[in-house]
PDB file of N, CA and C in Angstrom:
ATOM      1  N   SER A   1       7.361   4.543  -3.459  1.00  0.00           N
ATOM      2  CA  SER A   1       7.623   3.555  -2.328  1.00  0.00           C
ATOM      3  C   SER A   1       6.460   3.743  -1.213  1.00  0.00           C
ATOM      4  N   LEU A   2       6.111   5.151  -0.962  1.00  0.00           N
ATOM      5  CA  LEU A   2       5.239   5.362  -0.003  1.00  0.00           C
ATOM      6  C   LEU A   2       3.890   4.752  -0.286  1.00  0.00           C
ATOM      7  N   GLY A   3       3.500   4.822  -1.609  1.00  0.00           N
ATOM      8  CA  GLY A   3       2.192   4.130  -1.959  1.00  0.00           C
ATOM      9  C   GLY A   3       2.202   2.633  -1.695  1.00  0.00           C
ATOM     10  N   ALA A   4       3.245   1.976  -2.042  1.00  0.00           N
ATOM     11  CA  ALA A   4       3.479   0.538  -1.680  1.00  0.00           C
ATOM     12  C   ALA A   4       3.304   0.197  -0.224  1.00  0.00           C
ATOM     13  N   LEU A   5       3.859   1.119   0.575  1.00  0.00           N
ATOM     14  CA  LEU A   5       3.814   1.089   2.073  1.00  0.00           C
ATOM     15  C   LEU A   5       2.310   1.116   2.542  1.00  0.00           C
ATOM     16  N   ALA A   6       1.739   2.207   2.041  1.00  0.00           N
ATOM     17  CA  ALA A   6       0.255   2.562   2.343  1.00  0.00           C
ATOM     18  C   ALA A   6      -0.621   1.298   1.943  1.00  0.00           C
ATOM     19  N   TYR A   7      -0.346   0.755   0.749  1.00  0.00           N
ATOM     20  CA  TYR A   7      -1.066  -0.334   0.166  1.00  0.00           C
ATOM     21  C   TYR A   7      -0.871  -1.634   1.250  1.00  0.00           C
ATOM     22  N   PHE A   8       0.373  -1.815   1.626  1.00  0.00           N
ATOM     23  CA  PHE A   8       0.644  -2.829   2.545  1.00  0.00           C
ATOM     24  C   PHE A   8      -0.106  -2.806   3.836  1.00  0.00           C
ATOM     25  N   LEU A   9       0.155  -1.465   4.511  1.00  0.00           N
ATOM     26  CA  LEU A   9      -0.523  -1.164   5.640  1.00  0.00           C
ATOM     27  C   LEU A   9      -2.104  -1.329   5.670  1.00  0.00           C
ATOM     28  N   LEU A  10      -2.664  -1.074   4.589  1.00  0.00           N
ATOM     29  CA  LEU A  10      -4.136  -1.267   4.515  1.00  0.00           C
ATOM     30  C   LEU A  10      -4.664  -2.541   4.149  1.00  0.00           C
ATOM     31  N   THR A  11      -3.832  -3.360   3.432  1.00  0.00           N
ATOM     32  CA  THR A  11      -4.331  -4.765   3.005  1.00  0.00           C
ATOM     33  C   THR A  11      -3.554  -5.789   3.637  1.00  0.00           C
ATOM     34  N   GLY A  12      -2.432  -5.549   4.096  1.00  0.00           N
ATOM     35  CA  GLY A  12      -1.674  -6.575   4.907  1.00  0.00           C
ATOM     36  C   GLY A  12      -0.773  -7.525   3.792  1.00  0.00           C
ATOM     37  N   SER A  13      -0.843  -6.921   2.648  1.00  0.00           N
ATOM     38  CA  SER A  13       0.028  -7.596   1.543  1.00  0.00           C
ATOM     39  C   SER A  13       0.548  -6.572   0.593  1.00  0.00           C
ATOM     40  N   PRO A  14       1.772  -6.702   0.106  1.00  0.00           N
ATOM     41  CA  PRO A  14       2.324  -5.827  -0.996  1.00  0.00           C
ATOM     42  C   PRO A  14       1.408  -5.905  -2.269  1.00  0.00           C
ATOM     43  N   PRO A  15       1.541  -4.753  -3.130  1.00  0.00           N
ATOM     44  CA  PRO A  15       0.727  -4.775  -4.316  1.00  0.00           C
ATOM     45  C   PRO A  15       0.978  -6.178  -5.131  1.00  0.00           C
ATOM     46  N   PHE A  16       2.172  -6.570  -5.184  1.00  0.00           N
ATOM     47  CA  PHE A  16       2.492  -7.864  -5.992  1.00  0.00           C
ATOM     48  C   PHE A  16       3.265  -8.874  -5.127  1.00  0.00           C
ATOM     49  N   VAL A  17       2.849 -10.152  -5.069  1.00  0.00           N
ATOM     50  CA  VAL A  17       3.556 -11.182  -4.426  1.00  0.00           C
ATOM     51  C   VAL A  17       3.822 -12.191  -5.475  1.00  0.00           C
ATOM     52  N   ARG A  18       5.130 -12.552  -5.712  1.00  0.00           N
ATOM     53  CA  ARG A  18       5.515 -13.472  -6.679  1.00  0.00           C
ATOM     54  C   ARG A  18       6.477 -14.393  -6.040  1.00  0.00           C
ATOM     55  N   LYS A  19       7.094 -15.421  -6.765  1.00  0.00           N
ATOM     56  CA  LYS A  19       7.995 -16.411  -6.267  1.00  0.00           C
ATOM     57  C   LYS A  19       9.340 -15.912  -6.176  1.00  0.00           C
ATOM     58  N   THR A  20       9.769 -14.964  -7.097  1.00  0.00           N
ATOM     59  CA  THR A  20      11.136 -14.657  -7.069  1.00  0.00           C
ATOM     60  C   THR A  20      11.296 -13.066  -7.063  1.00  0.00           C
ATOM     61  N   PRO A  21      12.252 -12.374  -6.586  1.00  0.00           N
ATOM     62  CA  PRO A  21      12.379 -10.943  -6.655  1.00  0.00           C
ATOM     63  C   PRO A  21      12.278 -10.354  -8.151  1.00  0.00           C
ATOM     64  N   MET A  22      12.729 -11.019  -9.138  1.00  0.00           N
ATOM     65  CA  MET A  22      12.700 -10.597 -10.522  1.00  0.00           C
ATOM     66  C   MET A  22      11.279 -10.552 -10.977  1.00  0.00           C
ATOM     67  N   GLN A  23      10.396 -11.652 -10.598  1.00  0.00           N
ATOM     68  CA  GLN A  23       9.048 -11.655 -10.939  1.00  0.00           C
ATOM     69  C   GLN A  23       8.350 -10.466 -10.299  1.00  0.00           C
ATOM     70  N   VAL A  24       8.662 -10.066  -9.067  1.00  0.00           N
ATOM     71  CA  VAL A  24       8.126  -8.954  -8.370  1.00  0.00           C
ATOM     72  C   VAL A  24       8.428  -7.647  -9.167  1.00  0.00           C
ATOM     73  N   VAL A  25       9.707  -7.496  -9.586  1.00  0.00           N
ATOM     74  CA  VAL A  25      10.185  -6.250 -10.338  1.00  0.00           C
ATOM     75  C   VAL A  25       9.247  -6.305 -11.660  1.00  0.00           C
ATOM     76  N   VAL A  26       9.103  -7.400 -12.302  1.00  0.00           N
ATOM     77  CA  VAL A  26       8.525  -7.462 -13.617  1.00  0.00           C
ATOM     78  C   VAL A  26       6.968  -6.983 -13.476  1.00  0.00           C
ATOM     79  N   ALA A  27       6.430  -7.629 -12.409  1.00  0.00           N
ATOM     80  CA  ALA A  27       5.052  -7.321 -12.272  1.00  0.00           C
ATOM     81  C   ALA A  27       4.835  -5.843 -11.915  1.00  0.00           C
ATOM     82  N   HIS A  28       5.713  -5.185 -11.101  1.00  0.00           N
ATOM     83  CA  HIS A  28       5.681  -3.779 -10.810  1.00  0.00           C
ATOM     84  C   HIS A  28       5.781  -2.924 -12.103  1.00  0.00           C
ATOM     85  N   SER A  29       6.681  -3.481 -12.946  1.00  0.00           N
ATOM     86  CA  SER A  29       6.873  -2.661 -14.348  1.00  0.00           C
ATOM     87  C   SER A  29       5.754  -2.874 -15.221  1.00  0.00           C
ATOM     88  N   HIS A  30       5.150  -3.996 -15.325  1.00  0.00           N
ATOM     89  CA  HIS A  30       4.277  -4.313 -16.367  1.00  0.00           C
ATOM     90  C   HIS A  30       2.661  -4.543 -16.055  1.00  0.00           C
ATOM     91  N   GLU A  31       2.460  -4.992 -14.807  1.00  0.00           N
ATOM     92  CA  GLU A  31       1.145  -5.406 -14.511  1.00  0.00           C
ATOM     93  C   GLU A  31       0.304  -4.112 -13.768  1.00  0.00           C
ATOM     94  N   PRO A  32      -0.827  -4.039 -14.077  1.00  0.00           N
ATOM     95  CA  PRO A  32      -1.616  -3.000 -13.226  1.00  0.00           C
ATOM     96  C   PRO A  32      -1.669  -3.485 -11.808  1.00  0.00           C
ATOM     97  N   VAL A  33      -1.669  -2.401 -10.912  1.00  0.00           N
ATOM     98  CA  VAL A  33      -1.701  -2.761  -9.508  1.00  0.00           C
ATOM     99  C   VAL A  33      -3.016  -3.199  -9.138  1.00  0.00           C
ATOM    100  N   PRO A  34      -3.382  -4.291  -8.501  1.00  0.00           N
ATOM    101  CA  PRO A  34      -4.648  -4.786  -7.991  1.00  0.00           C
ATOM    102  C   PRO A  34      -5.351  -3.527  -7.291  1.00  0.00           C
ATOM    103  N   PRO A  35      -6.537  -3.214  -7.504  1.00  0.00           N
ATOM    104  CA  PRO A  35      -7.292  -2.254  -6.834  1.00  0.00           C
ATOM    105  C   PRO A  35      -7.188  -2.565  -5.355  1.00  0.00           C
ATOM    106  N   LEU A  36      -6.774  -1.481  -4.558  1.00  0.00           N
ATOM    107  CA  LEU A  36      -6.654  -1.681  -3.092  1.00  0.00           C
ATOM    108  C   LEU A  36      -8.016  -2.102  -2.506  1.00  0.00           C
ATOM    109  N   ARG A  37      -9.158  -1.562  -2.961  1.00  0.00           N
ATOM    110  CA  ARG A  37     -10.388  -1.928  -2.307  1.00  0.00           C
ATOM    111  C   ARG A  37     -10.854  -3.303  -2.720  1.00  0.00           C
ATOM    112  N   SER A  38     -10.315  -3.943  -3.670  1.00  0.00           N
ATOM    113  CA  SER A  38     -10.505  -5.338  -3.899  1.00  0.00           C
ATOM    114  C   SER A  38     -10.087  -6.207  -2.760  1.00  0.00           C
ATOM    115  N   ALA A  39      -9.189  -5.753  -2.050  1.00  0.00           N
ATOM    116  CA  ALA A  39      -8.705  -6.558  -0.841  1.00  0.00           C
ATOM    117  C   ALA A  39      -9.410  -5.909   0.400  1.00  0.00           C
ATOM    118  N   ARG A  40      -9.614  -4.640   0.431  1.00  0.00           N
ATOM    119  CA  ARG A  40     -10.176  -4.013   1.595  1.00  0.00           C
ATOM    120  C   ARG A  40     -11.235  -2.986   1.111  1.00  0.00           C
ATOM    121  N   ALA A  41     -12.529  -3.507   0.898  1.00  0.00           N
ATOM    122  CA  ALA A  41     -13.635  -2.716   0.473  1.00  0.00           C
ATOM    123  C   ALA A  41     -13.939  -1.443   1.456  1.00  0.00           C
ATOM    124  N   GLU A  42     -13.609  -1.577   2.607  1.00  0.00           N
ATOM    125  CA  GLU A  42     -14.000  -0.468   3.605  1.00  0.00           C
ATOM    126  C   GLU A  42     -13.005   0.754   3.378  1.00  0.00           C
ATOM    127  N   VAL A  43     -12.028   0.608   2.583  1.00  0.00           N
ATOM    128  CA  VAL A  43     -11.027   1.674   2.461  1.00  0.00           C
ATOM    129  C   VAL A  43     -11.814   2.852   1.662  1.00  0.00           C
ATOM    130  N   PRO A  44     -11.935   4.015   2.097  1.00  0.00           N
ATOM    131  CA  PRO A  44     -12.549   5.024   1.228  1.00  0.00           C
ATOM    132  C   PRO A  44     -12.035   5.230  -0.166  1.00  0.00           C
ATOM    133  N   PRO A  45     -12.959   5.409  -1.082  1.00  0.00           N
ATOM    134  CA  PRO A  45     -12.586   5.501  -2.487  1.00  0.00           C
ATOM    135  C   PRO A  45     -11.497   6.664  -2.720  1.00  0.00           C
ATOM    136  N   ASP A  46     -11.614   7.785  -2.049  1.00  0.00           N
ATOM    137  CA  ASP A  46     -10.776   8.864  -2.132  1.00  0.00           C
ATOM    138  C   ASP A  46      -9.268   8.593  -1.637  1.00  0.00           C
ATOM    139  N   LEU A  47      -9.259   7.801  -0.465  1.00  0.00           N
ATOM    140  CA  LEU A  47      -7.988   7.468  -0.055  1.00  0.00           C
ATOM    141  C   LEU A  47      -7.314   6.484  -0.924  1.00  0.00           C
ATOM    142  N   GLU A  48      -8.214   5.395  -1.531  1.00  0.00           N
ATOM    143  CA  GLU A  48      -7.618   4.569  -2.452  1.00  0.00           C
ATOM    144  C   GLU A  48      -7.029   5.328  -3.697  1.00  0.00           C
ATOM    145  N   ALA A  49      -7.659   6.258  -4.117  1.00  0.00           N
ATOM    146  CA  ALA A  49      -7.218   7.115  -5.343  1.00  0.00           C
ATOM    147  C   ALA A  49      -6.016   7.740  -5.093  1.00  0.00           C
ATOM    148  N   VAL A  50      -5.741   8.215  -3.941  1.00  0.00           N
ATOM    149  CA  VAL A  50      -4.277   8.857  -3.513  1.00  0.00           C
ATOM    150  C   VAL A  50      -3.183   7.810  -3.596  1.00  0.00           C
ATOM    151  N   ILE A  51      -3.573   6.569  -2.868  1.00  0.00           N
ATOM    152  CA  ILE A  51      -2.521   5.553  -2.820  1.00  0.00           C
ATOM    153  C   ILE A  51      -2.264   4.966  -4.280  1.00  0.00           C
ATOM    154  N   MET A  52      -3.275   4.823  -5.076  1.00  0.00           N
ATOM    155  CA  MET A  52      -3.157   4.181  -6.303  1.00  0.00           C
ATOM    156  C   MET A  52      -2.440   5.198  -7.312  1.00  0.00           C
ATOM    157  N   ARG A  53      -2.516   6.442  -7.087  1.00  0.00           N
ATOM    158  CA  ARG A  53      -1.876   7.566  -7.715  1.00  0.00           C
ATOM    159  C   ARG A  53      -0.418   7.517  -7.517  1.00  0.00           C
ATOM    160  N   CYS A  54      -0.114   7.193  -6.359  1.00  0.00           N
ATOM    161  CA  CYS A  54       1.410   6.940  -5.866  1.00  0.00           C
ATOM    162  C   CYS A  54       1.988   5.773  -6.520  1.00  0.00           C
ATOM    163  N   LEU A  55       1.110   4.709  -6.955  1.00  0.00           N
ATOM    164  CA  LEU A  55       1.635   3.623  -7.566  1.00  0.00           C
ATOM    165  C   LEU A  55       1.466   3.559  -9.145  1.00  0.00           C
ATOM    166  N   GLU A  56       1.234   4.816  -9.800  1.00  0.00           N
ATOM    167  CA  GLU A  56       1.238   4.844 -11.153  1.00  0.00           C
ATOM    168  C   GLU A  56       2.434   4.457 -11.871  1.00  0.00           C
ATOM    169  N   LYS A  57       2.221   3.779 -12.906  1.00  0.00           N
ATOM    170  CA  LYS A  57       3.470   3.253 -13.680  1.00  0.00           C
ATOM    171  C   LYS A  57       4.249   4.355 -14.352  1.00  0.00           C
ATOM    172  N   PHE A  58       3.557   5.438 -14.804  1.00  0.00           N
ATOM    173  CA  PHE A  58       4.186   6.651 -15.498  1.00  0.00           C
ATOM    174  C   PHE A  58       4.446   7.735 -14.478  1.00  0.00           C
ATOM    175  N   PRO A  59       5.693   8.093 -14.278  1.00  0.00           N
ATOM    176  CA  PRO A  59       5.849   9.203 -13.291  1.00  0.00           C
ATOM    177  C   PRO A  59       5.054  10.421 -13.362  1.00  0.00           C
ATOM    178  N   GLU A  60       4.782  10.833 -14.614  1.00  0.00           N
ATOM    179  CA  GLU A  60       4.030  12.049 -14.884  1.00  0.00           C
ATOM    180  C   GLU A  60       2.680  11.851 -14.197  1.00  0.00           C
ATOM    181  N   ARG A  61       2.140  10.758 -14.053  1.00  0.00           N
ATOM    182  CA  ARG A  61       0.776  10.509 -13.489  1.00  0.00           C
ATOM    183  C   ARG A  61       0.797  10.475 -11.937  1.00  0.00           C
ATOM    184  N   ARG A  62       2.004  10.337 -11.287  1.00  0.00           N
ATOM    185  CA  ARG A  62       2.132  10.427  -9.756  1.00  0.00           C
ATOM    186  C   ARG A  62       2.107  11.957  -9.329  1.00  0.00           C
ATOM    187  N   PHE A  63       2.135  11.963  -8.001  1.00  0.00           N
ATOM    188  CA  PHE A  63       2.132  13.462  -7.356  1.00  0.00           C
ATOM    189  C   PHE A  63       3.447  14.002  -7.859  1.00  0.00           C
ATOM    190  N   PRO A  64       3.435  15.181  -8.293  1.00  0.00           N
ATOM    191  CA  PRO A  64       4.698  15.837  -8.664  1.00  0.00           C
ATOM    192  C   PRO A  64       5.754  16.109  -7.457  1.00  0.00           C
ATOM    193  N   SER A  65       5.143  16.070  -6.369  1.00  0.00           N
ATOM    194  CA  SER A  65       6.107  16.419  -5.137  1.00  0.00           C
ATOM    195  C   SER A  65       5.389  15.852  -3.998  1.00  0.00           C
ATOM    196  N   ALA A  66       6.118  15.747  -2.758  1.00  0.00           N
ATOM    197  CA  ALA A  66       5.634  15.298  -1.504  1.00  0.00           C
ATOM    198  C   ALA A  66       4.660  16.459  -1.010  1.00  0.00           C
ATOM    199  N   ARG A  67       4.784  17.562  -1.385  1.00  0.00           N
ATOM    200  CA  ARG A  67       3.879  18.625  -0.913  1.00  0.00           C
ATOM    201  C   ARG A  67       2.568  18.455  -1.509  1.00  0.00           C
ATOM    202  N   ALA A  68       2.467  18.066  -2.949  1.00  0.00           N
ATOM    203  CA  ALA A  68       1.255  17.788  -3.526  1.00  0.00           C
ATOM    204  C   ALA A  68       0.409  16.576  -2.885  1.00  0.00           C
ATOM    205  N   MET A  69       1.193  15.531  -2.516  1.00  0.00           N
ATOM    206  CA  MET A  69       0.535  14.438  -1.892  1.00  0.00           C
ATOM    207  C   MET A  69       0.092  14.838  -0.608  1.00  0.00           C
ATOM    208  N   GLU A  70       0.875  15.620   0.282  1.00  0.00           N
ATOM    209  CA  GLU A  70       0.474  16.095   1.585  1.00  0.00           C
ATOM    210  C   GLU A  70      -0.892  16.857   1.420  1.00  0.00           C
ATOM    211  N   GLN A  71      -1.028  17.793   0.287  1.00  0.00           N
ATOM    212  CA  GLN A  71      -2.139  18.490   0.171  1.00  0.00           C
ATOM    213  C   GLN A  71      -3.494  17.646  -0.180  1.00  0.00           C
ATOM    214  N   ALA A  72      -3.213  16.589  -0.997  1.00  0.00           N
ATOM    215  CA  ALA A  72      -4.324  15.695  -1.117  1.00  0.00           C
ATOM    216  C   ALA A  72      -4.772  14.898   0.028  1.00  0.00           C
ATOM    217  N   LEU A  73      -3.740  14.568   0.822  1.00  0.00           N
ATOM    218  CA  LEU A  73      -4.188  13.826   2.021  1.00  0.00           C
ATOM    219  C   LEU A  73      -4.831  14.892   3.089  1.00  0.00           C
ATOM    220  N   ALA A  74      -4.408  16.135   3.000  1.00  0.00           N
ATOM    221  CA  ALA A  74      -5.077  17.152   3.974  1.00  0.00           C
ATOM    222  C   ALA A  74      -6.534  17.299   3.558  1.00  0.00           C
ATOM    223  N   VAL A  75      -6.921  17.301   2.215  1.00  0.00           N
ATOM    224  CA  VAL A  75      -8.224  17.369   1.833  1.00  0.00           C
ATOM    225  C   VAL A  75      -9.021  16.201   2.318  1.00  0.00           C
ATOM    226  N   LEU A  76      -8.443  15.040   2.333  1.00  0.00           N
ATOM    227  CA  LEU A  76      -9.058  13.841   2.832  1.00  0.00           C
ATOM    228  C   LEU A  76      -9.254  13.994   4.227  1.00  0.00           C
ATOM    229  N   ALA A  77      -8.339  14.433   5.024  1.00  0.00           N
ATOM    230  CA  ALA A  77      -8.372  14.599   6.435  1.00  0.00           C
ATOM    231  C   ALA A  77      -9.548  15.607   6.736  1.00  0.00           C
ATOM    232  N   GLU A  78      -9.748  16.581   5.966  1.00  0.00           N
ATOM    233  CA  GLU A  78     -10.826  17.527   6.363  1.00  0.00           C
ATOM    234  C   GLU A  78     -12.298  16.856   5.917  1.00  0.00           C
ATOM    235  N   GLN A  79     -12.322  16.006   5.016  1.00  0.00           N
ATOM    236  CA  GLN A  79     -13.472  15.207   4.668  1.00  0.00           C
ATOM    237  C   GLN A  79     -13.907  14.167   5.626  1.00  0.00           C
ATOM    238  N   MET A  80     -12.848  13.546   6.134  1.00  0.00           N
ATOM    239  CA  MET A  80     -12.965  12.413   7.028  1.00  0.00           C
ATOM    240  C   MET A  80     -12.272  12.620   8.222  1.00  0.00           C
ATOM    241  N   PRO A  81     -12.607  13.615   9.036  1.00  0.00           N
ATOM    242  CA  PRO A  81     -11.897  13.782  10.218  1.00  0.00           C
ATOM    243  C   PRO A  81     -11.820  12.487  11.114  1.00  0.00           C
ATOM    244  N   TRP A  82     -10.675  12.302  11.640  1.00  0.00           N
ATOM    245  CA  TRP A  82     -10.455  11.127  12.585  1.00  0.00           C
ATOM    246  C   TRP A  82      -9.800  11.533  13.878  1.00  0.00           C
ATOM    247  N   SER A  83     -10.103  11.028  15.006  1.00  0.00           N
ATOM    248  CA  SER A  83      -9.470  11.267  16.213  1.00  0.00           C
ATOM    249  C   SER A  83      -8.301  10.193  16.319  1.00  0.00           C
ATOM    250  N   GLU A  84      -7.499  10.439  17.298  1.00  0.00           N
ATOM    251  CA  GLU A  84      -6.708   9.241  17.769  1.00  0.00           C
ATOM    252  C   GLU A  84      -7.391   8.044  18.242  1.00  0.00           C
ATOM    253  N   GLU A  85      -8.602   8.357  18.845  1.00  0.00           N
ATOM    254  CA  GLU A  85      -9.479   7.270  19.380  1.00  0.00           C
ATOM    255  C   GLU A  85     -10.068   6.539  18.154  1.00  0.00           C
ATOM    256  N   ASP A  86     -10.443   7.179  17.089  1.00  0.00           N
ATOM    257  CA  ASP A  86     -11.064   6.614  15.955  1.00  0.00           C
ATOM    258  C   ASP A  86      -9.955   5.683  15.207  1.00  0.00           C
ATOM    259  N   ALA A  87      -8.761   6.180  15.185  1.00  0.00           N
ATOM    260  CA  ALA A  87      -7.750   5.365  14.567  1.00  0.00           C
ATOM    261  C   ALA A  87      -7.358   4.231  15.242  1.00  0.00           C
ATOM    262  N   GLU A  88      -7.188   4.340  16.717  1.00  0.00           N
ATOM    263  CA  GLU A  88      -7.032   3.222  17.530  1.00  0.00           C
ATOM    264  C   GLU A  88      -8.048   2.153  17.346  1.00  0.00           C
ATOM    265  N   ALA A  89      -9.267   2.555  17.210  1.00  0.00           N
ATOM    266  CA  ALA A  89     -10.310   1.632  17.138  1.00  0.00           C
ATOM    267  C   ALA A  89     -10.365   0.984  15.836  1.00  0.00           C
ATOM    268  N   TRP A  90     -10.046   1.641  14.797  1.00  0.00           N
ATOM    269  CA  TRP A  90      -9.960   1.129  13.458  1.00  0.00           C
ATOM    270  C   TRP A  90      -8.946   0.054  13.393  1.00  0.00           C
ATOM    271  N   TRP A  91      -7.724   0.439  13.895  1.00  0.00           N
ATOM    272  CA  TRP A  91      -6.631  -0.432  13.894  1.00  0.00           C
ATOM    273  C   TRP A  91      -6.953  -1.779  14.676  1.00  0.00           C
ATOM    274  N   GLN A  92      -7.536  -1.633  15.800  1.00  0.00           N
ATOM    275  CA  GLN A  92      -7.910  -2.731  16.704  1.00  0.00           C
ATOM    276  C   GLN A  92      -8.854  -3.707  15.981  1.00  0.00           C
ATOM    277  N   GLY A  93      -9.618  -3.173  15.166  1.00  0.00           N
ATOM    278  CA  GLY A  93     -10.740  -3.951  14.490  1.00  0.00           C
ATOM    279  C   GLY A  93     -10.272  -4.630  13.225  1.00  0.00           C
ATOM    280  N   ARG A  94      -8.869  -4.490  12.777  1.00  0.00           N
ATOM    281  CA  ARG A  94      -8.494  -5.040  11.532  1.00  0.00           C
ATOM    282  C   ARG A  94      -7.976  -6.498  11.861  1.00  0.00           C
ATOM    283  N   VAL A  95      -8.246  -7.353  11.077  1.00  0.00           N
ATOM    284  CA  VAL A  95      -7.780  -8.567  11.041  1.00  0.00           C
ATOM    285  C   VAL A  95      -7.203  -8.763   9.670  1.00  0.00           C
ATOM    286  N   LEU A  96      -5.798  -8.499   9.573  1.00  0.00           N
ATOM    287  CA  LEU A  96      -5.094  -8.593   8.383  1.00  0.00           C
ATOM    288  C   LEU A  96      -4.842 -10.027   8.041  1.00  0.00           C
ATOM    289  N   PRO A  97      -4.923 -10.303   6.631  1.00  0.00           N
ATOM    290  CA  PRO A  97      -4.702 -11.585   6.156  1.00  0.00           C
ATOM    291  C   PRO A  97      -3.227 -12.017   6.404  1.00  0.00           C
ATOM    292  N   ALA A  98      -3.181 -13.339   6.726  1.00  0.00           N
ATOM    293  CA  ALA A  98      -1.692 -13.692   6.864  1.00  0.00           C
ATOM    294  C   ALA A  98      -1.037 -13.729   5.392  1.00  0.00           C
ATOM    295  N   THR A  99       0.061 -13.154   5.199  1.00  0.00           N
ATOM    296  CA  THR A  99       0.633 -13.241   4.022  1.00  0.00           C
ATOM    297  C   THR A  99       1.694 -14.099   4.029  1.00  0.00           C
ATOM    298  N   HIS A 100       2.894 -13.900   4.482  1.00  0.00           N
ATOM    299  CA  HIS A 100       4.036 -14.752   4.523  1.00  0.00           C
ATOM    300  C   HIS A 100       5.054 -14.227   5.527  1.00  0.00           C
ATOM    301  N   THR A 101       5.906 -15.197   5.898  1.00  0.00           N
ATOM    302  CA  THR A 101       6.955 -14.782   6.925  1.00  0.00           C
ATOM    303  C   THR A 101       8.276 -14.769   6.271  1.00  0.00           C
ATOM    304  N   VAL A 102       9.148 -14.093   6.950  1.00  0.00           N
ATOM    305  CA  VAL A 102      10.540 -13.957   6.379  1.00  0.00           C
ATOM    306  C   VAL A 102      11.102 -15.342   6.028  1.00  0.00           C
ATOM    307  N   GLU A 103      10.719 -16.361   6.906  1.00  0.00           N
ATOM    308  CA  GLU A 103      11.337 -17.724   6.707  1.00  0.00           C
ATOM    309  C   GLU A 103      10.900 -18.158   5.387  1.00  0.00           C
ATOM    310  N   ASP A 104       9.623 -18.015   4.931  1.00  0.00           N
ATOM    311  CA  ASP A 104       9.128 -18.743   3.734  1.00  0.00           C
ATOM    312  C   ASP A 104       8.886 -17.775   2.596  1.00  0.00           C
ATOM    313  N   SER A 105       9.213 -16.488   2.698  1.00  0.00           N
ATOM    314  CA  SER A 105       8.982 -15.532   1.685  1.00  0.00           C
ATOM    315  C   SER A 105      10.078 -15.628   0.553  1.00  0.00           C
ATOM    316  N   PRO A 106       9.620 -15.993  -0.708  1.00  0.00           N
ATOM    317  CA  PRO A 106      10.599 -15.978  -1.746  1.00  0.00           C
ATOM    318  C   PRO A 106      11.132 -14.575  -2.213  1.00  0.00           C
ATOM    319  N   THR A 107      10.437 -13.619  -1.797  1.00  0.00           N
ATOM    320  CA  THR A 107      10.716 -12.213  -2.279  1.00  0.00           C
ATOM    321  C   THR A 107      11.603 -11.478  -1.243  1.00  0.00           C
ATOM    322  N   LEU A 108      11.954 -12.082  -0.129  1.00  0.00           N
ATOM    323  CA  LEU A 108      12.810 -11.373   0.782  1.00  0.00           C
ATOM    324  C   LEU A 108      14.073 -12.272   0.947  1.00  0.00           C
ATOM    325  N   VAL A 109      15.176 -11.484   0.947  1.00  0.00           N
ATOM    326  CA  VAL A 109      16.464 -12.128   1.013  1.00  0.00           C
ATOM    327  C   VAL A 109      17.050 -11.959   2.437  1.00  0.00           C
ATOM    328  N   THR A 110      17.302 -12.969   3.051  1.00  0.00           N
ATOM    329  CA  THR A 110      17.873 -12.839   4.357  1.00  0.00           C
ATOM    330  C   THR A 110      19.280 -13.536   4.287  1.00  0.00           C
ATOM    331  N   ALA A 111      20.161 -13.022   5.266  1.00  0.00           N
ATOM    332  CA  ALA A 111      21.603 -13.545   5.497  1.00  0.00           C
ATOM    333  C   ALA A 111      21.623 -14.218   6.826  1.00  0.00           C
ATOM    334  N   THR A 112      22.265 -15.322   6.847  1.00  0.00           N
ATOM    335  CA  THR A 112      22.533 -15.986   8.268  1.00  0.00           C
ATOM    336  C   THR A 112      24.113 -15.898   8.405  1.00  0.00           C
ATOM    337  N   ALA A 113      24.427 -15.802   9.510  1.00  0.00           N
ATOM    338  CA  ALA A 113      25.805 -15.912   9.976  1.00  0.00           C
ATOM    339  C   ALA A 113      26.295 -17.388   9.992  1.00  0.00           C
ATOM    340  N   LYS A 114      27.380 -17.602   9.485  1.00  0.00           N
ATOM    341  CA  LYS A 114      27.995 -18.977   9.542  1.00  0.00           C
ATOM    342  C   LYS A 114      29.205 -19.105  10.500  1.00  0.00           C
TER     343      LYS A 114
END
């Protein structure tokens, strides 16, 4: 789930968007995850590799623990040091694609009071 969150934060869209929740589940189970860099080419390849590893279909191909993932991200942080100012500038420069709203999303379930 952390990989899916990171994918969304970097692309503005979840890995799979379908008309029904069941179609999303089937896509997650059977379809390859679209490469993150196909939506955001400026994402560093090594960061994409970490996120895509989190989204592997087979658990044995994912990080074996949160510690292992943290270590992979720490290596990236050493290779690509960012200050808080760098991060702020990056986020300010992002124009994420409009995906969908809660009102029109077929993959989100909402309840209304009657």
